[in-house]
N, C-alpha and C. Protein backbone atom coordinates (compact mmCIF):
# COMPACT_ATOMS: atom_id res chain seq x y z
N LYS A 1 -19.92 21.89 15.67
CA LYS A 1 -18.99 20.29 15.72
C LYS A 1 -17.92 20.38 15.16
N SER A 2 -17.30 21.02 15.05
CA SER A 2 -15.65 21.29 14.27
C SER A 2 -14.59 20.39 15.06
N GLY A 3 -15.34 19.84 16.25
CA GLY A 3 -14.03 18.91 16.92
C GLY A 3 -14.64 17.53 16.77
N GLU A 4 -15.39 17.22 15.99
CA GLU A 4 -16.13 15.71 15.29
C GLU A 4 -15.73 15.26 14.31
N GLY A 5 -15.24 14.37 14.14
CA GLY A 5 -14.88 13.69 12.76
C GLY A 5 -15.83 12.89 12.23
N LYS A 6 -15.00 12.95 10.93
CA LYS A 6 -16.24 12.57 9.53
C LYS A 6 -16.86 10.81 10.33
N GLU A 7 -18.18 11.01 9.11
CA GLU A 7 -18.66 10.02 9.81
C GLU A 7 -18.61 8.84 9.28
N PHE A 8 -18.44 7.18 10.06
CA PHE A 8 -17.90 6.34 9.85
C PHE A 8 -18.20 5.66 8.81
N THR A 9 -20.21 5.75 8.53
CA THR A 9 -20.33 5.07 7.34
C THR A 9 -20.11 5.30 6.17
N ILE A 10 -19.68 6.76 5.94
CA ILE A 10 -19.63 7.32 5.03
C ILE A 10 -18.35 7.12 4.15
N THR A 11 -17.19 7.59 5.41
CA THR A 11 -15.91 6.59 5.31
C THR A 11 -15.50 5.07 4.48
N LEU A 12 -16.27 4.62 5.22
CA LEU A 12 -16.74 3.07 4.70
C LEU A 12 -17.01 2.90 3.74
N LEU A 13 -17.93 3.49 3.30
CA LEU A 13 -18.53 2.96 1.54
C LEU A 13 -17.99 3.86 0.94
N LEU A 14 -17.31 4.86 0.70
CA LEU A 14 -16.57 5.30 0.26
C LEU A 14 -15.00 4.84 -0.22
N CYS A 15 -14.87 4.07 1.12
CA CYS A 15 -13.34 3.05 0.89
C CYS A 15 -13.95 1.60 -0.23
N ILE A 16 -14.97 1.25 0.24
CA ILE A 16 -15.75 0.11 -0.14
C ILE A 16 -15.78 0.05 -1.84
N PHE A 17 -16.40 1.04 -1.89
CA PHE A 17 -16.94 1.69 -3.33
C PHE A 17 -15.65 2.29 -4.63
N ILE A 18 -15.10 2.61 -3.90
CA ILE A 18 -14.71 4.04 -4.81
C ILE A 18 -13.01 4.17 -3.71
N GLY A 19 -12.55 2.97 -3.28
CA GLY A 19 -11.10 3.30 -2.18
C GLY A 19 -10.04 3.23 -3.28
N VAL A 20 -9.93 2.76 -4.31
CA VAL A 20 -8.71 2.69 -5.15
C VAL A 20 -8.68 4.06 -5.71
N LEU A 21 -9.34 5.22 -5.76
CA LEU A 21 -9.35 6.47 -6.03
C LEU A 21 -9.13 7.34 -5.06
N GLY A 22 -9.51 7.00 -3.90
CA GLY A 22 -8.79 7.51 -2.77
C GLY A 22 -9.71 8.69 -2.50
N VAL A 23 -10.93 8.80 -2.49
CA VAL A 23 -11.98 9.52 -2.33
C VAL A 23 -12.45 9.10 -0.68
N HIS A 24 -12.18 8.17 -0.06
CA HIS A 24 -12.32 8.62 1.12
C HIS A 24 -11.24 9.02 1.82
N ARG A 25 -10.07 9.23 1.54
CA ARG A 25 -9.18 9.89 2.24
C ARG A 25 -9.63 11.56 1.37
N PHE A 26 -9.89 12.10 0.13
CA PHE A 26 -9.95 13.07 -0.09
C PHE A 26 -11.57 13.67 1.04
N TYR A 27 -12.48 12.73 1.15
CA TYR A 27 -13.22 12.99 2.11
C TYR A 27 -12.89 13.30 3.42
N THR A 28 -11.92 12.58 4.01
CA THR A 28 -11.65 12.58 6.00
C THR A 28 -10.58 14.06 6.08
N GLY A 29 -10.52 14.28 4.76
CA GLY A 29 -9.35 15.91 4.68
C GLY A 29 -7.81 15.38 4.25
N HIS A 30 -7.75 14.53 4.19
CA HIS A 30 -6.39 13.64 3.47
C HIS A 30 -5.92 13.99 2.45
N ILE A 31 -5.86 15.23 2.02
CA ILE A 31 -5.81 15.65 0.17
C ILE A 31 -4.50 14.82 0.02
N GLY A 32 -3.58 15.23 0.42
CA GLY A 32 -1.82 14.87 -0.42
C GLY A 32 -2.00 13.23 -0.48
N ILE A 33 -2.48 12.66 0.74
CA ILE A 33 -2.38 11.46 0.15
C ILE A 33 -3.57 10.48 -0.51
N GLY A 34 -4.71 11.39 -0.57
CA GLY A 34 -5.99 11.17 -1.48
C GLY A 34 -5.48 10.76 -3.18
N VAL A 35 -4.40 12.32 -3.31
CA VAL A 35 -3.61 12.45 -5.00
C VAL A 35 -3.01 11.51 -4.79
N VAL A 36 -2.31 10.74 -4.12
CA VAL A 36 -0.83 9.45 -4.38
C VAL A 36 -2.21 8.32 -4.64
N GLN A 37 -3.11 8.21 -4.03
CA GLN A 37 -4.00 6.88 -3.81
C GLN A 37 -5.13 7.11 -5.23
N LEU A 38 -5.27 8.34 -6.05
CA LEU A 38 -5.39 8.57 -6.87
C LEU A 38 -5.12 8.25 -7.85
N LEU A 39 -3.69 8.77 -8.20
CA LEU A 39 -2.56 8.52 -9.30
C LEU A 39 -2.20 7.15 -9.46
N THR A 40 -2.33 6.54 -8.18
CA THR A 40 -1.74 4.97 -8.33
C THR A 40 -2.42 3.80 -8.24
N PHE A 41 -4.25 4.34 -8.43
CA PHE A 41 -4.93 3.11 -7.85
C PHE A 41 -4.85 2.69 -6.31
N GLY A 42 -4.85 3.30 -5.31
CA GLY A 42 -4.51 2.90 -4.19
C GLY A 42 -3.41 2.06 -3.88
N VAL A 43 -2.59 2.31 -4.86
CA VAL A 43 -1.35 1.39 -4.77
C VAL A 43 -1.24 0.47 -5.23
N PHE A 44 -2.45 -0.17 -6.19
CA PHE A 44 -2.90 -0.97 -6.40
C PHE A 44 -3.77 -1.98 -6.29
N GLY A 45 -4.56 -1.41 -5.07
CA GLY A 45 -5.53 -1.77 -4.42
C GLY A 45 -4.84 -2.16 -2.98
N ILE A 46 -3.53 -2.26 -2.72
CA ILE A 46 -2.84 -2.90 -1.56
C ILE A 46 -3.31 -1.59 -0.28
N TRP A 47 -3.19 -0.29 -0.46
CA TRP A 47 -3.40 0.85 0.27
C TRP A 47 -4.79 0.86 0.61
N THR A 48 -5.77 0.51 -0.55
CA THR A 48 -7.06 0.23 0.16
C THR A 48 -7.53 -0.61 1.08
N ILE A 49 -6.89 -1.64 0.59
CA ILE A 49 -7.20 -2.66 1.95
C ILE A 49 -6.99 -2.21 3.01
N ILE A 50 -5.89 -1.80 3.03
CA ILE A 50 -5.12 -1.31 4.64
C ILE A 50 -6.06 -0.15 5.29
N ASP A 51 -6.44 0.45 4.23
CA ASP A 51 -7.74 1.50 4.74
C ASP A 51 -8.95 1.16 5.22
N LEU A 52 -9.11 0.33 4.36
CA LEU A 52 -10.87 -0.53 4.64
C LEU A 52 -10.72 -1.49 6.57
N ILE A 53 -9.15 -1.99 6.27
CA ILE A 53 -9.17 -2.25 8.02
C ILE A 53 -8.90 -1.74 8.49
N MET A 54 -8.04 -0.38 8.84
CA MET A 54 -7.91 0.60 9.66
C MET A 54 -9.49 0.96 10.27
N ILE A 55 -10.27 1.20 8.79
CA ILE A 55 -11.54 1.62 9.15
C ILE A 55 -12.89 1.30 10.01
N VAL A 56 -12.40 -0.34 9.68
CA VAL A 56 -13.60 -1.43 10.48
C VAL A 56 -12.66 -1.38 11.88
N MET A 57 -11.66 -1.30 12.09
CA MET A 57 -11.14 -1.49 13.62
C MET A 57 -10.98 -0.54 14.47
N GLY A 58 -11.74 0.70 13.46
CA GLY A 58 -11.75 1.83 14.69
C GLY A 58 -10.45 2.68 14.97
N ASN A 59 -9.77 2.20 14.04
CA ASN A 59 -7.84 3.29 13.90
C ASN A 59 -7.98 4.73 12.95
N PHE A 60 -9.02 4.21 12.12
CA PHE A 60 -8.52 5.45 10.64
C PHE A 60 -9.18 7.05 11.44
N LYS A 61 -8.27 8.06 11.79
CA LYS A 61 -8.70 9.45 11.68
C LYS A 61 -9.01 10.08 10.85
N ASP A 62 -9.74 11.28 10.85
CA ASP A 62 -9.99 12.51 9.99
C ASP A 62 -8.13 13.42 10.09
N SER A 63 -8.30 14.12 9.27
CA SER A 63 -6.95 15.00 8.94
C SER A 63 -6.41 16.14 10.54
N ASN A 64 -7.72 15.88 10.98
CA ASN A 64 -6.94 16.86 12.51
C ASN A 64 -7.11 15.97 13.54
N GLY A 65 -7.33 14.71 13.27
CA GLY A 65 -6.78 13.67 14.36
C GLY A 65 -7.90 12.84 14.82
N ASN A 66 -9.48 13.58 14.75
CA ASN A 66 -10.30 13.39 15.15
C ASN A 66 -10.97 11.62 14.98
N PRO A 67 -11.21 10.85 15.82
CA PRO A 67 -11.94 9.37 15.12
C PRO A 67 -13.01 9.51 14.20
N LEU A 68 -13.48 8.47 13.49
CA LEU A 68 -14.48 8.44 12.91
C LEU A 68 -15.92 8.71 13.90
N VAL A 69 -16.83 9.16 13.46
CA VAL A 69 -18.25 9.33 14.39
C VAL A 69 -19.44 8.00 13.99
N LYS A 70 -19.60 7.49 14.47
CA LYS A 70 -20.73 6.41 14.18
C LYS A 70 -22.13 7.27 14.35
N LYS A 71 -23.04 7.29 13.37
CA LYS A 71 -24.24 8.02 13.72
C LYS A 71 -25.02 7.24 13.46
């Protein structure tokens, strides 16, 4: 399953509950952006809301460019 993206539900829940810490970015392999979100509290929540919208709309991808997988 190396060509398969990370789970949609896990990414969504991480973003909702601890998104300001960038944990959903770490989970999907976006380590650099995750660190920036961690240090800026998701740029005071704005970046987190944008990520949440992208996840729900199906436009969020993992670090390999794979779409999130609904299991």
